[in-house]
Structures are given as C-alpha cells and as structure tokens.
Amino acid sequence: MGQNCFLRVTKQYLPHVAHLCLISTFLEDGIRMWFQWGEQRDYINSTWNCGYFLASIFVFINLFGQLSGCILVLSRNFVQYACFGLFGIIALQTIAYSILWDLKFLVRNLALGGGLLLLLAESRSEGKSMFAGVPTMRESSPRQYMQLGGRVLLVLMFMTLLHFHLNFFYILQNIVGTALIILVAIGFKTKLAALTLVIWLFGINIYFNAFWTIPVYKPMHDFLRYDFFQTMSVIGGLLLVVALGPGGVSMDEKKKEW
C-alpha cells in the first residue's frame, strides 16, 4: 500500500530524478576533465607514452562526450545516441585507466553500464508509445532483455559493498543486501526491493563517501567524490527500475500470466 502511494505521488518526478542521478557521474567527470585538463593529459601521456597531442584528444573526447551526453539525456533528445556515446566513454576509460584489471572498479563500471541499459530501454519505450495500439511484441523483446541485463548489471554494484567480517551488523547487512539484490535480479517484488536498495545505498553513500568533509588538496577527496557520484548513478538506475518496473523477463510479469 505504502509503495503504491509513493509511486502515485512521485510518478511525474521520479523519472527526472532518476535521469539526473544516473548521469551525475558523467557530469562530474566531464567537469573534472575541464578543470584538471593538464593533470589528466599528463597522466595519460605518462601511462601510455602516447604524446601530448593524443593525450589531449583523449581528454577532449571524455569532456565533450560526457557533457554532451548528459545534456541530451536531460533534454530528452537523441537519448539512444547519448547512451551509446556514454557506453563508449565507459569502455574507453576502462582501457585507458587500466580498470580492466581492478575488479572493484570494473564491477562498478559494469553496474554503470546497467543503468545506461535501463535508460536505453526507457527511450525505446517512449519511441514505441507513438504507435499505441499497433502490435509490437517482436519489437519490444529487445527492450525486455535490456531491462533484464540492466537489472543484473546494476546489482553487481552491491557485490563491492559486502563485508566479510564476523560482526553481527555486517552479517545482517550482507544477508539482507544479498536477498534484495537477488529479488531485483530475478524480478520478484522488484519495485519494493529496488526502492529499499535505493534507501540503503543512499545512506551508505552519504556516510562512507562524504568527500565534502575531506580537504580538496588531499587525494582521498577525489577518490571519495568519484565513488560518491558513481554510487549516485547506480541509485539513478535503481530509481528507473522503480519507475518502469522489471520488464517482461521477470517473475513479477510471469505472475500475471499465472
């Protein structure tokens, strides 16, 4: 009852909040590329020994690609192209910053990709709505699998939050968290599970990634800020699950057939 009331009240605003949260890490990183142009260029040059020109091209692609993608998503224009562009940015950064060999950061990038998949599924849904009443079962199948893939990738984020300590609080957190991510992944009681994860993850993010409490000149400030906005993007993806539902490939949808 409370869940349905929440959805009715926030129906108009929830997708917009979800979009803003989802693109927040790209927006923050694009702005950071502008203010740290020299540092980023020097890092890429020293890591790959590619010369200042190619390193500058890399920084420009990241800056322009992320900021333009964010503008398109927020303005609801060419969202599919924006998603593909942001997918490209994730892939480029995964290689350039050697994230491929860091399991924690790789899993978080995959979770970010899951959020983009859900955004892509939503944009396909909006495109189809122009042809209401026309049978589109075959055409909607890719959207349903995008939602499934997005849900599964999103919950990978929570694998990095599990703590294997013999402490009652951590054990309880791991059990509850694991149960919730399984529910979201299989699409059972999906909206309620996703909303619970949003509240849980937001609390953890505010508590553990409070970058604003660390002086700007300390490396930990940038590290926590990066973590904070990546987590906000995953929250945005979960809010899309709350707003759109799990899609056709889910237990919730199968229950309707039973």
C-alpha atoms as a PDB file:
ATOM      1  CA  MET A   1       0.000   0.000   0.000  1.00  0.00           C
ATOM      2  CA  GLY A   2       2.761   2.448   1.001  1.00  0.00           C
ATOM      3  CA  GLN A   3       4.767   1.548  -2.108  1.00  0.00           C
ATOM      4  CA  ASN A   4       1.794   2.221  -4.432  1.00  0.00           C
ATOM      5  CA  CYS A   5       1.087   5.537  -2.689  1.00  0.00           C
ATOM      6  CA  PHE A   6       4.736   6.567  -3.110  1.00  0.00           C
ATOM      7  CA  LEU A   7       4.659   5.677  -6.817  1.00  0.00           C
ATOM      8  CA  ARG A   8       1.439   7.620  -7.409  1.00  0.00           C
ATOM      9  CA  VAL A   9       2.799  10.735  -5.697  1.00  0.00           C
ATOM     10  CA  THR A  10       6.198  10.618  -7.423  1.00  0.00           C
ATOM     11  CA  LYS A  11       5.067   9.321 -10.832  1.00  0.00           C
ATOM     12  CA  GLN A  12       5.729  12.623 -12.632  1.00  0.00           C
ATOM     13  CA  TYR A  13       9.011  13.417 -10.898  1.00  0.00           C
ATOM     14  CA  LEU A  14      10.674  10.044 -10.340  1.00  0.00           C
ATOM     15  CA  PRO A  15      11.980   9.533 -13.930  1.00  0.00           C
ATOM     16  CA  HIS A  16      13.538  13.025 -13.932  1.00  0.00           C
ATOM     17  CA  VAL A  17      15.243  12.420 -10.586  1.00  0.00           C
ATOM     18  CA  ALA A  18      16.419   9.019 -11.880  1.00  0.00           C
ATOM     19  CA  HIS A  19      17.913  10.594 -15.030  1.00  0.00           C
ATOM     20  CA  LEU A  20      19.723  13.282 -13.038  1.00  0.00           C
ATOM     21  CA  CYS A  21      21.182  10.726 -10.620  1.00  0.00           C
ATOM     22  CA  LEU A  22      22.112   8.373 -13.448  1.00  0.00           C
ATOM     23  CA  ILE A  23      24.136  10.932 -15.420  1.00  0.00           C
ATOM     24  CA  SER A  24      25.657  12.577 -12.323  1.00  0.00           C
ATOM     25  CA  THR A  25      28.937  10.645 -12.515  1.00  0.00           C
ATOM     26  CA  PHE A  26      29.368  11.543 -16.201  1.00  0.00           C
ATOM     27  CA  LEU A  27      28.538  15.182 -15.481  1.00  0.00           C
ATOM     28  CA  GLU A  28      31.000  15.349 -12.587  1.00  0.00           C
ATOM     29  CA  ASP A  29      33.736  13.615 -14.591  1.00  0.00           C
ATOM     30  CA  GLY A  30      33.205  15.869 -17.612  1.00  0.00           C
ATOM     31  CA  ILE A  31      33.510  18.987 -15.439  1.00  0.00           C
ATOM     32  CA  ARG A  32      36.580  17.487 -13.750  1.00  0.00           C
ATOM     33  CA  MET A  33      38.191  16.973 -17.171  1.00  0.00           C
ATOM     34  CA  TRP A  34      37.771  20.710 -17.806  1.00  0.00           C
ATOM     35  CA  PHE A  35      39.340  21.813 -14.522  1.00  0.00           C
ATOM     36  CA  GLN A  36      42.036  19.110 -14.477  1.00  0.00           C
ATOM     37  CA  TRP A  37      42.841  19.115 -18.200  1.00  0.00           C
ATOM     38  CA  GLY A  38      46.610  19.310 -17.692  1.00  0.00           C
ATOM     39  CA  GLU A  39      46.721  16.679 -14.965  1.00  0.00           C
ATOM     40  CA  GLN A  40      44.601  14.210 -16.949  1.00  0.00           C
ATOM     41  CA  ARG A  41      46.620  14.793 -20.127  1.00  0.00           C
ATOM     42  CA  ASP A  42      49.907  14.268 -18.279  1.00  0.00           C
ATOM     43  CA  TYR A  43      48.598  11.092 -16.610  1.00  0.00           C
ATOM     44  CA  ILE A  44      47.502   9.530 -19.907  1.00  0.00           C
ATOM     45  CA  ASN A  45      50.779  10.543 -21.581  1.00  0.00           C
ATOM     46  CA  SER A  46      52.905   9.072 -18.774  1.00  0.00           C
ATOM     47  CA  THR A  47      50.817   5.865 -18.622  1.00  0.00           C
ATOM     48  CA  TRP A  48      50.637   5.161 -22.360  1.00  0.00           C
ATOM     49  CA  ASN A  49      53.582   7.236 -23.619  1.00  0.00           C
ATOM     50  CA  CYS A  50      51.342   8.445 -26.457  1.00  0.00           C
ATOM     51  CA  GLY A  51      52.441  12.083 -26.641  1.00  0.00           C
ATOM     52  CA  TYR A  52      50.651  15.237 -25.562  1.00  0.00           C
ATOM     53  CA  PHE A  53      48.554  15.523 -28.724  1.00  0.00           C
ATOM     54  CA  LEU A  54      46.886  12.089 -28.408  1.00  0.00           C
ATOM     55  CA  ALA A  55      46.550  12.537 -24.644  1.00  0.00           C
ATOM     56  CA  SER A  56      44.799  15.876 -25.216  1.00  0.00           C
ATOM     57  CA  ILE A  57      42.468  14.214 -27.756  1.00  0.00           C
ATOM     58  CA  PHE A  58      41.589  11.603 -25.115  1.00  0.00           C
ATOM     59  CA  VAL A  59      40.741  14.297 -22.542  1.00  0.00           C
ATOM     60  CA  PHE A  60      38.685  16.239 -25.108  1.00  0.00           C
ATOM     61  CA  ILE A  61      36.684  13.138 -26.110  1.00  0.00           C
ATOM     62  CA  ASN A  62      35.921  12.448 -22.440  1.00  0.00           C
ATOM     63  CA  LEU A  63      34.966  16.048 -21.739  1.00  0.00           C
ATOM     64  CA  PHE A  64      32.815  16.614 -24.829  1.00  0.00           C
ATOM     65  CA  GLY A  65      31.342  13.085 -24.928  1.00  0.00           C
ATOM     66  CA  GLN A  66      30.219  13.116 -21.305  1.00  0.00           C
ATOM     67  CA  LEU A  67      28.875  16.666 -21.131  1.00  0.00           C
ATOM     68  CA  SER A  68      27.034  16.438 -24.466  1.00  0.00           C
ATOM     69  CA  GLY A  69      25.608  13.027 -23.488  1.00  0.00           C
ATOM     70  CA  CYS A  70      24.330  14.450 -20.189  1.00  0.00           C
ATOM     71  CA  ILE A  71      22.688  17.402 -21.946  1.00  0.00           C
ATOM     72  CA  LEU A  72      20.937  15.096 -24.435  1.00  0.00           C
ATOM     73  CA  VAL A  73      19.657  12.786 -21.685  1.00  0.00           C
ATOM     74  CA  LEU A  74      18.345  15.633 -19.529  1.00  0.00           C
ATOM     75  CA  SER A  75      16.723  17.386 -22.509  1.00  0.00           C
ATOM     76  CA  ARG A  76      15.192  14.067 -23.723  1.00  0.00           C
ATOM     77  CA  ASN A  77      16.706  14.485 -27.195  1.00  0.00           C
ATOM     78  CA  PHE A  78      18.512  11.677 -29.071  1.00  0.00           C
ATOM     79  CA  VAL A  79      18.704   9.682 -25.830  1.00  0.00           C
ATOM     80  CA  GLN A  80      19.668   6.464 -27.604  1.00  0.00           C
ATOM     81  CA  TYR A  81      22.654   8.141 -29.284  1.00  0.00           C
ATOM     82  CA  ALA A  82      23.626   9.678 -25.936  1.00  0.00           C
ATOM     83  CA  CYS A  83      23.535   6.234 -24.295  1.00  0.00           C
ATOM     84  CA  PHE A  84      25.741   4.696 -26.980  1.00  0.00           C
ATOM     85  CA  GLY A  85      28.177   7.585 -26.601  1.00  0.00           C
ATOM     86  CA  LEU A  86      28.333   7.142 -22.824  1.00  0.00           C
ATOM     87  CA  PHE A  87      28.812   3.379 -23.279  1.00  0.00           C
ATOM     88  CA  GLY A  88      31.803   4.286 -25.446  1.00  0.00           C
ATOM     89  CA  ILE A  89      33.176   6.570 -22.719  1.00  0.00           C
ATOM     90  CA  ILE A  90      32.903   3.756 -20.138  1.00  0.00           C
ATOM     91  CA  ALA A  91      34.767   1.370 -22.472  1.00  0.00           C
ATOM     92  CA  LEU A  92      37.430   3.988 -23.270  1.00  0.00           C
ATOM     93  CA  GLN A  93      38.064   4.795 -19.606  1.00  0.00           C
ATOM     94  CA  THR A  94      38.098   1.111 -18.649  1.00  0.00           C
ATOM     95  CA  ILE A  95      41.038   0.589 -21.006  1.00  0.00           C
ATOM     96  CA  ALA A  96      42.822   3.942 -20.537  1.00  0.00           C
ATOM     97  CA  TYR A  97      42.799   3.837 -16.741  1.00  0.00           C
ATOM     98  CA  SER A  98      43.502   0.064 -16.569  1.00  0.00           C
ATOM     99  CA  ILE A  99      40.193  -0.526 -14.773  1.00  0.00           C
ATOM    100  CA  LEU A 100      40.007  -3.891 -16.551  1.00  0.00           C
ATOM    101  CA  TRP A 101      42.470  -5.303 -14.010  1.00  0.00           C
ATOM    102  CA  ASP A 102      40.843  -3.790 -10.919  1.00  0.00           C
ATOM    103  CA  LEU A 103      37.847  -5.997 -10.061  1.00  0.00           C
ATOM    104  CA  LYS A 104      36.118  -3.464  -7.802  1.00  0.00           C
ATOM    105  CA  PHE A 105      36.214  -0.632 -10.349  1.00  0.00           C
ATOM    106  CA  LEU A 106      35.390  -2.989 -13.226  1.00  0.00           C
ATOM    107  CA  VAL A 107      32.272  -4.253 -11.438  1.00  0.00           C
ATOM    108  CA  ARG A 108      31.182  -0.666 -10.706  1.00  0.00           C
ATOM    109  CA  ASN A 109      31.657   0.295 -14.355  1.00  0.00           C
ATOM    110  CA  LEU A 110      29.517  -2.694 -15.360  1.00  0.00           C
ATOM    111  CA  ALA A 111      26.846  -1.513 -12.905  1.00  0.00           C
ATOM    112  CA  LEU A 112      27.012   1.917 -14.514  1.00  0.00           C
ATOM    113  CA  GLY A 113      26.501   0.236 -17.883  1.00  0.00           C
ATOM    114  CA  GLY A 114      23.433  -1.478 -16.415  1.00  0.00           C
ATOM    115  CA  GLY A 115      21.937   1.919 -15.600  1.00  0.00           C
ATOM    116  CA  LEU A 116      22.519   3.057 -19.178  1.00  0.00           C
ATOM    117  CA  LEU A 117      20.848  -0.125 -20.473  1.00  0.00           C
ATOM    118  CA  LEU A 118      17.738   0.746 -18.458  1.00  0.00           C
ATOM    119  CA  LEU A 119      17.825   4.289 -19.823  1.00  0.00           C
ATOM    120  CA  LEU A 120      18.114   2.875 -23.337  1.00  0.00           C
ATOM    121  CA  ALA A 121      15.138   0.573 -22.673  1.00  0.00           C
ATOM    122  CA  GLU A 122      13.111   3.539 -21.430  1.00  0.00           C
ATOM    123  CA  SER A 123      13.922   5.565 -24.561  1.00  0.00           C
ATOM    124  CA  ARG A 124      12.797   2.652 -26.763  1.00  0.00           C
ATOM    125  CA  SER A 125       9.547   2.524 -24.802  1.00  0.00           C
ATOM    126  CA  GLU A 126       8.927   6.219 -25.439  1.00  0.00           C
ATOM    127  CA  GLY A 127       9.572   5.740 -29.126  1.00  0.00           C
ATOM    128  CA  LYS A 128       7.055   2.889 -29.346  1.00  0.00           C
ATOM    129  CA  SER A 129       4.383   4.852 -27.477  1.00  0.00           C
ATOM    130  CA  MET A 130       3.822   6.970 -30.583  1.00  0.00           C
ATOM    131  CA  PHE A 131       2.322   3.874 -32.219  1.00  0.00           C
ATOM    132  CA  ALA A 132      -0.082   2.912 -29.453  1.00  0.00           C
ATOM    133  CA  GLY A 133      -2.454   0.127 -30.483  1.00  0.00           C
ATOM    134  CA  VAL A 134      -0.123  -1.324 -33.097  1.00  0.00           C
ATOM    135  CA  PRO A 135       1.078  -4.868 -32.205  1.00  0.00           C
ATOM    136  CA  THR A 136       4.790  -4.651 -31.341  1.00  0.00           C
ATOM    137  CA  MET A 137       5.520  -7.881 -29.463  1.00  0.00           C
ATOM    138  CA  ARG A 138       8.544  -8.746 -31.558  1.00  0.00           C
ATOM    139  CA  GLU A 139       9.945  -5.239 -31.448  1.00  0.00           C
ATOM    140  CA  SER A 140       9.525  -4.914 -27.686  1.00  0.00           C
ATOM    141  CA  SER A 141      11.542  -8.082 -26.945  1.00  0.00           C
ATOM    142  CA  PRO A 142      14.939  -6.327 -27.116  1.00  0.00           C
ATOM    143  CA  ARG A 143      13.660  -3.768 -24.595  1.00  0.00           C
ATOM    144  CA  GLN A 144      12.653  -6.520 -22.174  1.00  0.00           C
ATOM    145  CA  TYR A 145      16.096  -8.114 -22.373  1.00  0.00           C
ATOM    146  CA  MET A 146      17.714  -4.695 -21.944  1.00  0.00           C
ATOM    147  CA  GLN A 147      15.759  -4.312 -18.711  1.00  0.00           C
ATOM    148  CA  LEU A 148      16.868  -7.779 -17.575  1.00  0.00           C
ATOM    149  CA  GLY A 149      20.506  -7.053 -18.436  1.00  0.00           C
ATOM    150  CA  GLY A 150      20.276  -3.654 -16.769  1.00  0.00           C
ATOM    151  CA  ARG A 151      18.872  -5.131 -13.548  1.00  0.00           C
ATOM    152  CA  VAL A 152      21.522  -7.847 -13.365  1.00  0.00           C
ATOM    153  CA  LEU A 153      24.393  -5.439 -14.056  1.00  0.00           C
ATOM    154  CA  LEU A 154      23.061  -2.868 -11.580  1.00  0.00           C
ATOM    155  CA  VAL A 155      23.087  -5.281  -8.655  1.00  0.00           C
ATOM    156  CA  LEU A 156      26.766  -6.063  -9.280  1.00  0.00           C
ATOM    157  CA  MET A 157      27.423  -2.760  -7.500  1.00  0.00           C
ATOM    158  CA  PHE A 158      26.305  -4.341  -4.241  1.00  0.00           C
ATOM    159  CA  MET A 159      28.862  -7.132  -4.538  1.00  0.00           C
ATOM    160  CA  THR A 160      31.518  -4.487  -3.817  1.00  0.00           C
ATOM    161  CA  LEU A 161      29.698  -3.441  -0.622  1.00  0.00           C
ATOM    162  CA  LEU A 162      29.699  -6.858   1.054  1.00  0.00           C
ATOM    163  CA  HIS A 163      31.975  -7.098   4.110  1.00  0.00           C
ATOM    164  CA  PHE A 164      33.242 -10.498   5.168  1.00  0.00           C
ATOM    165  CA  HIS A 165      33.723  -9.819   8.870  1.00  0.00           C
ATOM    166  CA  LEU A 166      32.460 -11.816  11.856  1.00  0.00           C
ATOM    167  CA  ASN A 167      30.408  -8.889  13.060  1.00  0.00           C
ATOM    168  CA  PHE A 168      26.650  -9.063  13.645  1.00  0.00           C
ATOM    169  CA  PHE A 169      25.936  -5.790  11.837  1.00  0.00           C
ATOM    170  CA  TYR A 170      27.966  -6.776   8.756  1.00  0.00           C
ATOM    171  CA  ILE A 171      26.493 -10.286   8.673  1.00  0.00           C
ATOM    172  CA  LEU A 172      22.947  -8.871   8.852  1.00  0.00           C
ATOM    173  CA  GLN A 173      23.760  -6.289   6.186  1.00  0.00           C
ATOM    174  CA  ASN A 174      25.184  -8.981   3.894  1.00  0.00           C
ATOM    175  CA  ILE A 175      22.164 -11.274   4.320  1.00  0.00           C
ATOM    176  CA  VAL A 176      19.568  -8.528   3.753  1.00  0.00           C
ATOM    177  CA  GLY A 177      21.558  -6.956   0.910  1.00  0.00           C
ATOM    178  CA  THR A 178      22.063 -10.287  -0.855  1.00  0.00           C
ATOM    179  CA  ALA A 179      18.341 -11.109  -0.562  1.00  0.00           C
ATOM    180  CA  LEU A 180      17.383  -7.733  -2.051  1.00  0.00           C
ATOM    181  CA  ILE A 181      19.795  -7.929  -4.997  1.00  0.00           C
ATOM    182  CA  ILE A 182      18.544 -11.445  -5.817  1.00  0.00           C
ATOM    183  CA  LEU A 183      14.948 -10.146  -5.803  1.00  0.00           C
ATOM    184  CA  VAL A 184      15.872  -7.307  -8.183  1.00  0.00           C
ATOM    185  CA  ALA A 185      17.890  -9.607 -10.455  1.00  0.00           C
ATOM    186  CA  ILE A 186      15.103 -12.190 -10.859  1.00  0.00           C
ATOM    187  CA  GLY A 187      12.398  -9.524 -10.926  1.00  0.00           C
ATOM    188  CA  PHE A 188      10.334 -10.579  -7.896  1.00  0.00           C
ATOM    189  CA  LYS A 189       8.717  -7.810  -5.796  1.00  0.00           C
ATOM    190  CA  THR A 190      11.050  -5.722  -7.927  1.00  0.00           C
ATOM    191  CA  LYS A 191       9.863  -2.192  -7.247  1.00  0.00           C
ATOM    192  CA  LEU A 192       9.791  -2.659  -3.473  1.00  0.00           C
ATOM    193  CA  ALA A 193      13.223  -4.358  -3.449  1.00  0.00           C
ATOM    194  CA  ALA A 194      14.726  -1.674  -5.707  1.00  0.00           C
ATOM    195  CA  LEU A 195      13.272   1.132  -3.584  1.00  0.00           C
ATOM    196  CA  THR A 196      14.681  -0.480  -0.428  1.00  0.00           C
ATOM    197  CA  LEU A 197      18.089  -0.735  -2.091  1.00  0.00           C
ATOM    198  CA  VAL A 198      17.887   2.944  -3.085  1.00  0.00           C
ATOM    199  CA  ILE A 199      17.336   3.981   0.550  1.00  0.00           C
ATOM    200  CA  TRP A 200      20.061   1.629   1.807  1.00  0.00           C
ATOM    201  CA  LEU A 201      22.604   2.643  -0.825  1.00  0.00           C
ATOM    202  CA  PHE A 202      21.896   6.359  -0.368  1.00  0.00           C
ATOM    203  CA  GLY A 203      22.540   6.047   3.373  1.00  0.00           C
ATOM    204  CA  ILE A 204      25.782   4.133   2.808  1.00  0.00           C
ATOM    205  CA  ASN A 205      26.880   6.670   0.189  1.00  0.00           C
ATOM    206  CA  ILE A 206      26.321   9.685   2.450  1.00  0.00           C
ATOM    207  CA  TYR A 207      28.089   8.004   5.373  1.00  0.00           C
ATOM    208  CA  PHE A 208      31.113   6.402   3.679  1.00  0.00           C
ATOM    209  CA  ASN A 209      31.711   8.728   0.697  1.00  0.00           C
ATOM    210  CA  ALA A 210      31.395  12.138   2.385  1.00  0.00           C
ATOM    211  CA  PHE A 211      34.076  13.751   0.198  1.00  0.00           C
ATOM    212  CA  TRP A 212      32.976  17.240   1.310  1.00  0.00           C
ATOM    213  CA  THR A 213      34.476  16.543   4.757  1.00  0.00           C
ATOM    214  CA  ILE A 214      37.963  15.992   3.259  1.00  0.00           C
ATOM    215  CA  PRO A 215      40.175  18.942   2.229  1.00  0.00           C
ATOM    216  CA  VAL A 216      40.312  19.404  -1.569  1.00  0.00           C
ATOM    217  CA  TYR A 217      44.105  19.066  -1.740  1.00  0.00           C
ATOM    218  CA  LYS A 218      44.065  15.535  -0.299  1.00  0.00           C
ATOM    219  CA  PRO A 219      43.921  12.585  -2.802  1.00  0.00           C
ATOM    220  CA  MET A 220      41.177  10.957  -0.694  1.00  0.00           C
ATOM    221  CA  HIS A 221      38.843  13.849  -1.624  1.00  0.00           C
ATOM    222  CA  ASP A 222      38.932  12.946  -5.328  1.00  0.00           C
ATOM    223  CA  PHE A 223      38.680   9.229  -4.602  1.00  0.00           C
ATOM    224  CA  LEU A 224      35.592   9.626  -2.404  1.00  0.00           C
ATOM    225  CA  ARG A 225      33.993  12.096  -4.822  1.00  0.00           C
ATOM    226  CA  TYR A 226      34.432   9.603  -7.685  1.00  0.00           C
ATOM    227  CA  ASP A 227      32.900   6.856  -5.526  1.00  0.00           C
ATOM    228  CA  PHE A 228      30.042   9.106  -4.423  1.00  0.00           C
ATOM    229  CA  PHE A 229      28.895  10.048  -7.923  1.00  0.00           C
ATOM    230  CA  GLN A 230      29.297   6.526  -9.285  1.00  0.00           C
ATOM    231  CA  THR A 231      27.054   5.330  -6.477  1.00  0.00           C
ATOM    232  CA  MET A 232      24.531   8.091  -7.260  1.00  0.00           C
ATOM    233  CA  SER A 233      24.418   6.839 -10.856  1.00  0.00           C
ATOM    234  CA  VAL A 234      23.597   3.319  -9.684  1.00  0.00           C
ATOM    235  CA  ILE A 235      20.878   4.829  -7.453  1.00  0.00           C
ATOM    236  CA  GLY A 236      19.537   6.511 -10.594  1.00  0.00           C
ATOM    237  CA  GLY A 237      19.405   3.153 -12.351  1.00  0.00           C
ATOM    238  CA  LEU A 238      17.509   1.608  -9.429  1.00  0.00           C
ATOM    239  CA  LEU A 239      15.052   4.523  -9.477  1.00  0.00           C
ATOM    240  CA  LEU A 240      14.418   3.727 -13.137  1.00  0.00           C
ATOM    241  CA  VAL A 241      13.589   0.161 -12.083  1.00  0.00           C
ATOM    242  CA  VAL A 242      11.141   1.595  -9.542  1.00  0.00           C
ATOM    243  CA  ALA A 243       9.605   3.901 -12.167  1.00  0.00           C
ATOM    244  CA  LEU A 244       9.454   1.449 -15.095  1.00  0.00           C
ATOM    245  CA  GLY A 245       9.094  -1.902 -13.385  1.00  0.00           C
ATOM    246  CA  PRO A 246      11.157  -5.014 -14.099  1.00  0.00           C
ATOM    247  CA  GLY A 247      10.028  -5.595 -17.706  1.00  0.00           C
ATOM    248  CA  GLY A 248       8.711  -8.728 -19.390  1.00  0.00           C
ATOM    249  CA  VAL A 249      11.542 -11.082 -18.393  1.00  0.00           C
ATOM    250  CA  SER A 250      10.798 -11.211 -14.662  1.00  0.00           C
ATOM    251  CA  MET A 251       8.958 -13.179 -12.008  1.00  0.00           C
ATOM    252  CA  ASP A 252       6.560 -10.269 -11.451  1.00  0.00           C
ATOM    253  CA  GLU A 253       5.487 -10.382 -15.091  1.00  0.00           C
ATOM    254  CA  LYS A 254       5.145 -14.182 -15.095  1.00  0.00           C
ATOM    255  CA  LYS A 255       2.879 -13.993 -12.033  1.00  0.00           C
ATOM    256  CA  LYS A 256       0.360 -12.047 -14.122  1.00  0.00           C
ATOM    257  CA  GLU A 257       0.136 -14.992 -16.538  1.00  0.00           C
ATOM    258  CA  TRP A 258      -0.462 -17.470 -13.705  1.00  0.00           C
END
